Amino acid sequence: MLLLQTRMDLQAIICSQSHFSKVMHIPLEYVFFLPFCFFLFFLFSSFVFLFTLSWEGDILYE
């Protein structure tokens, strides 16, 4: 039942995204691709930030 609900939610999101792309005249690929790029960039920057913090901490503690 939960899986069915999730699938229906996904279909609703896809429908709203395609409606959004028709209104804004943006290709549907970009509508899905841009949030994915933002997510990857956020993930990468947070990893770099944590890595630099731990690296500076190691230098300070030596």
C-alpha atoms as a PDB file:
ATOM      1  CA  MET A   1       0.000   0.000   0.000  1.00  0.00           C
ATOM      2  CA  LEU A   2       2.844   2.375   0.893  1.00  0.00           C
ATOM      3  CA  LEU A   3       4.626   1.521  -2.342  1.00  0.00           C
ATOM      4  CA  LEU A   4       1.482   2.265  -4.337  1.00  0.00           C
ATOM      5  CA  GLN A   5       1.088   5.599  -2.549  1.00  0.00           C
ATOM      6  CA  THR A   6       4.711   6.487  -3.290  1.00  0.00           C
ATOM      7  CA  ARG A   7       4.244   5.612  -6.951  1.00  0.00           C
ATOM      8  CA  MET A   8       1.146   7.793  -7.128  1.00  0.00           C
ATOM      9  CA  ASP A   9       3.045  10.639  -5.468  1.00  0.00           C
ATOM     10  CA  LEU A  10       5.874  10.231  -7.983  1.00  0.00           C
ATOM     11  CA  GLN A  11       3.407  10.284 -10.868  1.00  0.00           C
ATOM     12  CA  ALA A  12       1.844  13.448  -9.463  1.00  0.00           C
ATOM     13  CA  ILE A  13       5.288  15.056  -9.164  1.00  0.00           C
ATOM     14  CA  ILE A  14       6.149  14.056 -12.740  1.00  0.00           C
ATOM     15  CA  CYS A  15       2.852  15.461 -14.001  1.00  0.00           C
ATOM     16  CA  SER A  16       3.353  18.736 -12.159  1.00  0.00           C
ATOM     17  CA  GLN A  17       6.948  18.947 -13.419  1.00  0.00           C
ATOM     18  CA  SER A  18       5.864  18.414 -17.017  1.00  0.00           C
ATOM     19  CA  HIS A  19       3.116  21.030 -16.569  1.00  0.00           C
ATOM     20  CA  PHE A  20       5.722  23.415 -15.144  1.00  0.00           C
ATOM     21  CA  SER A  21       8.042  22.803 -18.073  1.00  0.00           C
ATOM     22  CA  LYS A  22       5.218  23.442 -20.551  1.00  0.00           C
ATOM     23  CA  VAL A  23       4.313  26.710 -18.840  1.00  0.00           C
ATOM     24  CA  MET A  24       7.907  27.914 -18.531  1.00  0.00           C
ATOM     25  CA  HIS A  25       8.936  26.548 -21.963  1.00  0.00           C
ATOM     26  CA  ILE A  26      11.818  24.598 -20.383  1.00  0.00           C
ATOM     27  CA  PRO A  27      12.663  21.116 -21.711  1.00  0.00           C
ATOM     28  CA  LEU A  28      11.663  18.396 -19.266  1.00  0.00           C
ATOM     29  CA  GLU A  29      15.227  17.056 -19.074  1.00  0.00           C
ATOM     30  CA  TYR A  30      16.446  20.317 -17.533  1.00  0.00           C
ATOM     31  CA  VAL A  31      13.645  20.328 -14.963  1.00  0.00           C
ATOM     32  CA  PHE A  32      14.887  16.996 -13.608  1.00  0.00           C
ATOM     33  CA  PHE A  33      18.585  17.616 -14.253  1.00  0.00           C
ATOM     34  CA  LEU A  34      18.986  20.977 -12.478  1.00  0.00           C
ATOM     35  CA  PRO A  35      17.862  19.853  -8.975  1.00  0.00           C
ATOM     36  CA  PHE A  36      20.091  16.795  -9.395  1.00  0.00           C
ATOM     37  CA  CYS A  37      23.065  19.058 -10.202  1.00  0.00           C
ATOM     38  CA  PHE A  38      22.324  21.258  -7.195  1.00  0.00           C
ATOM     39  CA  PHE A  39      22.127  18.167  -4.987  1.00  0.00           C
ATOM     40  CA  LEU A  40      25.458  16.830  -6.285  1.00  0.00           C
ATOM     41  CA  PHE A  41      27.122  20.208  -5.829  1.00  0.00           C
ATOM     42  CA  PHE A  42      25.778  20.490  -2.265  1.00  0.00           C
ATOM     43  CA  LEU A  43      26.975  16.975  -1.458  1.00  0.00           C
ATOM     44  CA  PHE A  44      30.439  17.635  -2.900  1.00  0.00           C
ATOM     45  CA  SER A  45      30.858  20.981  -1.132  1.00  0.00           C
ATOM     46  CA  SER A  46      29.782  19.537   2.224  1.00  0.00           C
ATOM     47  CA  PHE A  47      32.313  16.697   1.847  1.00  0.00           C
ATOM     48  CA  VAL A  48      35.079  19.188   1.012  1.00  0.00           C
ATOM     49  CA  PHE A  49      34.075  21.360   3.953  1.00  0.00           C
ATOM     50  CA  LEU A  50      34.116  18.429   6.398  1.00  0.00           C
ATOM     51  CA  PHE A  51      37.421  17.171   4.981  1.00  0.00           C
ATOM     52  CA  THR A  52      39.118  20.562   5.411  1.00  0.00           C
ATOM     53  CA  LEU A  53      37.745  20.858   8.947  1.00  0.00           C
ATOM     54  CA  SER A  54      39.096  17.444   9.959  1.00  0.00           C
ATOM     55  CA  TRP A  55      42.439  18.149   8.220  1.00  0.00           C
ATOM     56  CA  GLU A  56      42.913  21.475  10.042  1.00  0.00           C
ATOM     57  CA  GLY A  57      41.909  19.765  13.291  1.00  0.00           C
ATOM     58  CA  ASP A  58      44.636  17.155  12.786  1.00  0.00           C
ATOM     59  CA  ILE A  59      47.223  19.882  12.240  1.00  0.00           C
ATOM     60  CA  LEU A  60      46.087  21.761  15.343  1.00  0.00           C
ATOM     61  CA  TYR A  61      46.221  18.692  17.587  1.00  0.00           C
ATOM     62  CA  GLU A  62      49.758  17.644  16.590  1.00  0.00           C
END
